[in-house]
Amino acid sequence: MSNFARPPRRSWPYAVTAVLVLALNEGWAARDVQRLATILLVLVALICVLGESGDQ
């Protein structure tokens, strides 16, 4: 069996979803969960952009 190069797994969508579900289950207000989601998505976007610039 040969080893094929697989693209890296992107697990951040699962992590963000898990954090948001946990916040909802803990009784956070919908507005607070929306703010958390916004912050997490901006953070992920920054990490992705910085990661791409490091590949060059």
N, C-alpha and C. Protein backbone atom coordinates (compact mmCIF):
# COMPACT_ATOMS: atom_id res chain seq x y z
N MET A 1 0.85 -1.18 0.00
CA MET A 1 0.00 0.00 0.00
C MET A 1 0.89 1.24 0.00
N SER A 2 0.65 2.16 -0.91
CA SER A 2 1.47 3.37 -0.99
C SER A 2 0.85 4.48 -0.14
N ASN A 3 1.72 5.38 0.29
CA ASN A 3 1.27 6.52 1.10
C ASN A 3 1.00 7.70 0.19
N PHE A 4 -0.23 8.11 0.11
CA PHE A 4 -0.58 9.28 -0.67
C PHE A 4 -0.59 10.49 0.24
N ALA A 5 -0.11 11.60 -0.29
CA ALA A 5 -0.13 12.84 0.48
C ALA A 5 -1.57 13.34 0.57
N ARG A 6 -2.05 13.43 1.78
CA ARG A 6 -3.41 13.91 1.98
C ARG A 6 -3.35 15.36 2.44
N PRO A 7 -4.32 16.15 2.02
CA PRO A 7 -4.34 17.53 2.50
C PRO A 7 -4.59 17.54 4.01
N PRO A 8 -4.09 18.57 4.68
CA PRO A 8 -4.28 18.62 6.14
C PRO A 8 -5.76 18.71 6.49
N ARG A 9 -6.14 18.02 7.54
CA ARG A 9 -7.53 18.06 7.98
C ARG A 9 -7.81 19.38 8.65
N ARG A 10 -8.93 19.93 8.32
CA ARG A 10 -9.36 21.19 8.93
C ARG A 10 -10.39 20.86 10.00
N SER A 11 -9.98 20.89 11.23
CA SER A 11 -10.88 20.53 12.31
C SER A 11 -11.46 21.75 13.01
N TRP A 12 -11.07 22.96 12.58
CA TRP A 12 -11.57 24.15 13.27
C TRP A 12 -13.07 24.31 13.19
N PRO A 13 -13.75 23.92 12.08
CA PRO A 13 -15.21 24.07 12.09
C PRO A 13 -15.87 23.25 13.20
N TYR A 14 -15.32 22.06 13.46
CA TYR A 14 -15.87 21.22 14.51
C TYR A 14 -15.60 21.83 15.89
N ALA A 15 -14.43 22.38 16.06
CA ALA A 15 -14.09 22.98 17.35
C ALA A 15 -14.96 24.21 17.63
N VAL A 16 -15.15 25.06 16.62
CA VAL A 16 -15.99 26.24 16.79
C VAL A 16 -17.43 25.83 17.09
N THR A 17 -17.93 24.84 16.37
CA THR A 17 -19.29 24.36 16.60
C THR A 17 -19.43 23.80 18.01
N ALA A 18 -18.46 23.04 18.46
CA ALA A 18 -18.52 22.46 19.80
C ALA A 18 -18.53 23.54 20.87
N VAL A 19 -17.72 24.57 20.71
CA VAL A 19 -17.68 25.66 21.69
C VAL A 19 -19.02 26.40 21.71
N LEU A 20 -19.59 26.65 20.54
CA LEU A 20 -20.87 27.36 20.49
C LEU A 20 -22.00 26.52 21.09
N VAL A 21 -22.03 25.23 20.80
CA VAL A 21 -23.05 24.36 21.38
C VAL A 21 -22.90 24.30 22.90
N LEU A 22 -21.67 24.21 23.37
CA LEU A 22 -21.43 24.20 24.81
C LEU A 22 -21.93 25.48 25.46
N ALA A 23 -21.67 26.62 24.81
CA ALA A 23 -22.14 27.89 25.35
C ALA A 23 -23.66 27.92 25.42
N LEU A 24 -24.32 27.43 24.38
CA LEU A 24 -25.78 27.39 24.39
C LEU A 24 -26.30 26.45 25.48
N ASN A 25 -25.66 25.30 25.62
CA ASN A 25 -26.09 24.35 26.65
C ASN A 25 -25.86 24.86 28.06
N GLU A 26 -24.90 25.74 28.21
CA GLU A 26 -24.61 26.32 29.53
C GLU A 26 -25.54 27.49 29.86
N GLY A 27 -26.42 27.82 28.92
CA GLY A 27 -27.40 28.86 29.20
C GLY A 27 -26.99 30.27 28.81
N TRP A 28 -25.98 30.38 27.95
CA TRP A 28 -25.58 31.72 27.50
C TRP A 28 -26.73 32.34 26.70
N ALA A 29 -26.83 33.65 26.77
CA ALA A 29 -27.82 34.38 25.98
C ALA A 29 -27.44 34.29 24.50
N ALA A 30 -28.46 34.32 23.65
CA ALA A 30 -28.23 34.20 22.21
C ALA A 30 -27.29 35.30 21.71
N ARG A 31 -27.45 36.50 22.22
CA ARG A 31 -26.58 37.61 21.80
C ARG A 31 -25.12 37.34 22.15
N ASP A 32 -24.88 36.77 23.33
CA ASP A 32 -23.51 36.45 23.73
C ASP A 32 -22.91 35.35 22.86
N VAL A 33 -23.73 34.38 22.49
CA VAL A 33 -23.25 33.30 21.62
C VAL A 33 -22.94 33.86 20.24
N GLN A 34 -23.74 34.79 19.76
CA GLN A 34 -23.46 35.43 18.46
C GLN A 34 -22.15 36.20 18.51
N ARG A 35 -21.91 36.90 19.59
CA ARG A 35 -20.64 37.63 19.73
C ARG A 35 -19.46 36.66 19.77
N LEU A 36 -19.62 35.58 20.52
CA LEU A 36 -18.57 34.57 20.60
C LEU A 36 -18.29 33.98 19.22
N ALA A 37 -19.35 33.67 18.47
CA ALA A 37 -19.18 33.11 17.13
C ALA A 37 -18.43 34.08 16.23
N THR A 38 -18.78 35.35 16.31
CA THR A 38 -18.09 36.36 15.50
C THR A 38 -16.61 36.43 15.84
N ILE A 39 -16.32 36.46 17.12
CA ILE A 39 -14.92 36.54 17.56
C ILE A 39 -14.14 35.30 17.12
N LEU A 40 -14.74 34.13 17.29
CA LEU A 40 -14.04 32.90 16.90
C LEU A 40 -13.79 32.84 15.40
N LEU A 41 -14.77 33.25 14.60
CA LEU A 41 -14.59 33.21 13.15
C LEU A 41 -13.54 34.21 12.68
N VAL A 42 -13.51 35.38 13.30
CA VAL A 42 -12.46 36.36 12.96
C VAL A 42 -11.10 35.81 13.35
N LEU A 43 -11.01 35.19 14.50
CA LEU A 43 -9.74 34.60 14.93
C LEU A 43 -9.28 33.51 13.97
N VAL A 44 -10.19 32.65 13.55
CA VAL A 44 -9.85 31.59 12.60
C VAL A 44 -9.40 32.20 11.28
N ALA A 45 -10.10 33.23 10.82
CA ALA A 45 -9.71 33.89 9.56
C ALA A 45 -8.31 34.47 9.66
N LEU A 46 -8.00 35.11 10.78
CA LEU A 46 -6.65 35.66 10.96
C LEU A 46 -5.59 34.56 10.96
N ILE A 47 -5.88 33.48 11.62
CA ILE A 47 -4.92 32.37 11.67
C ILE A 47 -4.72 31.80 10.27
N CYS A 48 -5.79 31.65 9.52
CA CYS A 48 -5.68 31.13 8.15
C CYS A 48 -4.85 32.06 7.27
N VAL A 49 -5.09 33.35 7.37
CA VAL A 49 -4.35 34.31 6.56
C VAL A 49 -2.88 34.30 6.94
N LEU A 50 -2.60 34.27 8.23
CA LEU A 50 -1.21 34.26 8.67
C LEU A 50 -0.52 32.94 8.29
N GLY A 51 -1.27 31.85 8.33
CA GLY A 51 -0.71 30.57 7.93
C GLY A 51 -0.38 30.52 6.46
N GLU A 52 -1.23 31.12 5.63
CA GLU A 52 -0.98 31.14 4.18
C GLU A 52 0.22 32.01 3.86
N SER A 53 0.38 33.12 4.57
CA SER A 53 1.52 33.99 4.27
C SER A 53 2.83 33.34 4.69
N GLY A 54 2.78 32.42 5.66
CA GLY A 54 3.98 31.71 6.06
C GLY A 54 4.39 30.62 5.09
N ASP A 55 3.49 30.21 4.20
CA ASP A 55 3.79 29.16 3.23
C ASP A 55 4.59 29.68 2.05
N GLN A 56 4.67 30.98 1.88
CA GLN A 56 5.34 31.55 0.72
C GLN A 56 6.82 31.61 0.88
